[in-house]
């Protein structure tokens, strides 16, 4: 008796012919089923800890960084955690949803904002030197 050429278990599959394992895909978060658990706002950015009710990895939680100030998060009806070009509201960074991940996100924002301020100051200084 020979071994079957394809076995499957728990959504993944293995083919003895191709010797390749394909792990099961975690469910994609539904961008309309979420809860904002934490919001941190800086001068130009917002960081949110979001729980997606249909997502299973990290208990559905994601830390998302946005390049804008979100002053009324309760009006958000759709929040897609994926990076997307040409979309008005897309995150610029994501971090692991832990306390350390939140600290990394805050440090990222501080660095970005400091760099922006330094560039602004340099452009003012250069502009004044040519006057």
Protein backbone atom coordinates (compact mmCIF):
# COMPACT_ATOMS: atom_id res chain seq x y z
CA UNK A 1 0.00 0.00 0.00
CA UNK A 2 1.26 3.41 -0.91
CA UNK A 3 1.02 6.66 1.03
CA UNK A 4 -1.55 9.19 -0.14
CA UNK A 5 0.00 12.05 -2.09
CA UNK A 6 -1.93 14.83 -0.35
CA UNK A 7 -2.74 15.15 3.33
CA UNK A 8 -4.62 17.99 4.93
CA UNK A 9 -5.09 18.94 8.54
CA UNK A 10 -6.46 22.03 10.22
CA UNK A 11 -6.63 24.08 7.06
CA UNK A 12 -2.99 23.63 6.07
CA UNK A 13 -1.96 21.23 3.37
CA UNK A 14 1.06 19.13 2.53
CA UNK A 15 1.87 17.54 -0.78
CA UNK A 16 4.54 14.86 -0.80
CA UNK A 17 5.14 15.63 -4.48
CA UNK A 18 5.90 19.32 -3.95
CA UNK A 19 7.21 19.01 -0.35
CA UNK A 20 5.58 22.35 0.44
CA UNK A 21 3.45 23.21 3.43
CA UNK A 22 0.88 25.99 3.21
CA UNK A 23 -0.20 27.22 6.66
CA UNK A 24 -3.79 28.27 7.16
CA UNK A 25 -4.47 31.98 6.67
CA UNK A 26 -5.64 33.87 9.74
CA UNK A 27 -8.95 35.62 9.16
CA UNK A 28 -8.63 39.13 7.80
CA UNK A 29 -10.05 41.78 10.09
CA UNK A 30 -13.41 43.21 9.10
CA UNK A 31 -12.71 46.97 8.89
CA UNK A 32 -16.26 47.71 10.02
CA UNK A 33 -16.18 45.57 13.20
CA UNK A 34 -13.68 47.13 15.60
CA UNK A 35 -13.27 48.79 18.97
CA UNK A 36 -10.69 51.48 19.70
CA UNK A 37 -9.26 50.45 23.05
CA UNK A 38 -6.63 53.16 23.38
CA UNK A 39 -5.88 56.46 21.63
CA UNK A 40 -2.71 58.54 21.94
CA UNK A 41 -2.49 61.82 20.04
CA UNK A 42 0.62 63.92 19.45
CA UNK A 43 1.13 67.17 17.57
CA UNK A 44 0.62 65.61 14.12
CA UNK A 45 -0.08 61.89 14.57
CA UNK A 46 -2.47 59.46 16.25
CA UNK A 47 -1.73 56.02 17.64
CA UNK A 48 -4.56 53.60 18.28
CA UNK A 49 -4.80 50.20 19.89
CA UNK A 50 -7.66 48.65 17.93
CA UNK A 51 -9.38 45.33 18.52
CA UNK A 52 -10.91 43.74 15.42
CA UNK A 53 -13.73 41.43 16.47
CA UNK A 54 -13.26 38.97 13.57
CA UNK A 55 -9.49 38.64 13.83
CA UNK A 56 -7.81 35.95 15.92
CA UNK A 57 -4.08 36.68 15.94
CA UNK A 58 -2.97 38.77 18.94
CA UNK A 59 -6.59 38.49 20.14
CA UNK A 60 -7.59 40.75 17.26
CA UNK A 61 -5.52 43.69 18.49
CA UNK A 62 -3.38 45.97 16.34
CA UNK A 63 -1.43 49.15 17.04
CA UNK A 64 -1.89 51.56 14.15
CA UNK A 65 -0.14 54.90 13.54
CA UNK A 66 -1.89 57.54 11.43
CA UNK A 67 -0.38 60.77 10.03
CA UNK A 68 -3.19 62.95 11.38
CA UNK A 69 -4.89 63.96 14.58
CA UNK A 70 -7.96 61.86 15.32
CA UNK A 71 -9.94 64.01 17.72
CA UNK A 72 -13.28 62.16 17.50
CA UNK A 73 -12.56 58.44 17.08
CA UNK A 74 -16.20 57.59 17.84
CA UNK A 75 -17.24 58.86 14.39
CA UNK A 76 -15.05 56.30 12.58
CA UNK A 77 -17.20 53.64 10.95
CA UNK A 78 -14.47 51.92 8.93
CA UNK A 79 -10.87 51.35 9.95
CA UNK A 80 -8.80 49.15 7.66
CA UNK A 81 -5.44 48.20 9.26
CA UNK A 82 -3.75 47.49 5.92
CA UNK A 83 -1.35 49.87 4.19
CA UNK A 84 -3.02 51.24 1.06
CA UNK A 85 -1.92 53.73 -1.58
CA UNK A 86 -4.44 56.28 -2.79
CA UNK A 87 -6.69 55.90 0.26
CA UNK A 88 -7.40 58.96 2.36
CA UNK A 89 -7.17 57.19 5.73
CA UNK A 90 -4.42 54.58 5.82
CA UNK A 91 -1.93 53.77 8.59
CA UNK A 92 1.72 54.69 8.10
CA UNK A 93 3.03 52.14 10.62
CA UNK A 94 1.91 49.15 12.67
CA UNK A 95 3.42 47.71 15.82
CA UNK A 96 2.98 44.53 17.83
CA UNK A 97 -0.01 45.06 20.17
CA UNK A 98 1.79 45.02 23.51
CA UNK A 99 2.87 47.66 26.03
CA UNK A 100 6.33 47.62 24.47
CA UNK A 101 4.79 47.93 20.99
CA UNK A 102 2.89 51.03 22.14
CA UNK A 103 6.12 52.54 23.49
CA UNK A 104 7.86 51.80 20.16
CA UNK A 105 4.97 53.46 18.30
CA UNK A 106 5.23 56.57 20.48
CA UNK A 107 8.99 56.73 19.97
CA UNK A 108 8.49 56.35 16.21
CA UNK A 109 6.09 59.31 16.22
CA UNK A 110 8.45 61.41 18.35
CA UNK A 111 11.29 60.73 15.90
CA UNK A 112 9.17 61.55 12.86
CA UNK A 113 7.91 64.77 14.43
CA UNK A 114 11.37 65.83 15.62
CA UNK A 115 12.76 65.22 12.14
CA UNK A 116 9.92 67.28 10.64
CA UNK A 117 10.52 70.16 13.07
CA UNK A 118 14.26 70.10 12.38
CA UNK A 119 13.63 70.30 8.64
CA UNK A 120 11.26 73.24 9.18
CA UNK A 121 13.82 75.06 11.32
CA UNK A 122 16.58 74.43 8.79
CA UNK A 123 14.43 75.77 5.95
CA UNK A 124 13.70 78.91 7.99
CA UNK A 125 17.39 79.36 8.78
CA UNK A 126 18.40 78.89 5.15
CA UNK A 127 15.65 81.26 4.08
CA UNK A 128 16.87 83.95 6.50
CA UNK A 129 20.48 83.62 5.31
CA UNK A 130 19.50 84.48 1.75
CA UNK A 131 17.60 87.63 2.76
